[in-house]
Amino acid sequence: MLAGLTAVLVIVLGIYRAVGPGRMLLAALIAFS
């Protein structure tokens, strides 16, 4: 469980760094709306 959450967090952080804060925020808004 914890290992899975950690893996997801690492992937999200990797995407965040690759894409940048602006687009990540926009993607999050689209995903949650």
C-alpha atoms as a PDB file:
ATOM      1  CA  MET A   1       0.000   0.000   0.000  1.00  0.00           C
ATOM      2  CA  LEU A   2       2.647   2.488   1.125  1.00  0.00           C
ATOM      3  CA  ALA A   3       5.019   1.395  -1.641  1.00  0.00           C
ATOM      4  CA  GLY A   4       2.273   1.964  -4.217  1.00  0.00           C
ATOM      5  CA  LEU A   5       1.549   5.441  -2.868  1.00  0.00           C
ATOM      6  CA  THR A   6       5.246   6.283  -2.909  1.00  0.00           C
ATOM      7  CA  ALA A   7       5.541   5.101  -6.524  1.00  0.00           C
ATOM      8  CA  VAL A   8       2.578   7.253  -7.560  1.00  0.00           C
ATOM      9  CA  LEU A   9       4.076  10.246  -5.761  1.00  0.00           C
ATOM     10  CA  VAL A  10       7.434   9.777  -7.514  1.00  0.00           C
ATOM     11  CA  ILE A  11       5.700   9.532 -10.918  1.00  0.00           C
ATOM     12  CA  VAL A  12       3.622  12.650 -10.220  1.00  0.00           C
ATOM     13  CA  LEU A  13       6.716  14.580  -9.122  1.00  0.00           C
ATOM     14  CA  GLY A  14       8.548  13.454 -12.258  1.00  0.00           C
ATOM     15  CA  ILE A  15       5.683  14.633 -14.481  1.00  0.00           C
ATOM     16  CA  TYR A  16       5.467  17.880 -12.494  1.00  0.00           C
ATOM     17  CA  ARG A  17       9.149  18.622 -13.078  1.00  0.00           C
ATOM     18  CA  ALA A  18       9.006  17.627 -16.744  1.00  0.00           C
ATOM     19  CA  VAL A  19       5.857  19.579 -17.622  1.00  0.00           C
ATOM     20  CA  GLY A  20       6.226  22.548 -15.282  1.00  0.00           C
ATOM     21  CA  PRO A  21       3.946  24.025 -12.595  1.00  0.00           C
ATOM     22  CA  GLY A  22       1.645  25.957 -14.943  1.00  0.00           C
ATOM     23  CA  ARG A  23       0.583  23.065 -17.145  1.00  0.00           C
ATOM     24  CA  MET A  24       0.410  20.683 -14.195  1.00  0.00           C
ATOM     25  CA  LEU A  25      -1.979  23.041 -12.417  1.00  0.00           C
ATOM     26  CA  LEU A  26      -4.077  23.359 -15.567  1.00  0.00           C
ATOM     27  CA  ALA A  27      -4.158  19.576 -15.997  1.00  0.00           C
ATOM     28  CA  ALA A  28      -5.207  19.170 -12.359  1.00  0.00           C
ATOM     29  CA  LEU A  29      -8.028  21.680 -12.786  1.00  0.00           C
ATOM     30  CA  ILE A  30      -9.248  19.871 -15.905  1.00  0.00           C
ATOM     31  CA  ALA A  31      -8.998  16.482 -14.184  1.00  0.00           C
ATOM     32  CA  PHE A  32     -10.955  17.558 -11.104  1.00  0.00           C
ATOM     33  CA  SER A  33     -13.601  19.659 -12.842  1.00  0.00           C
END
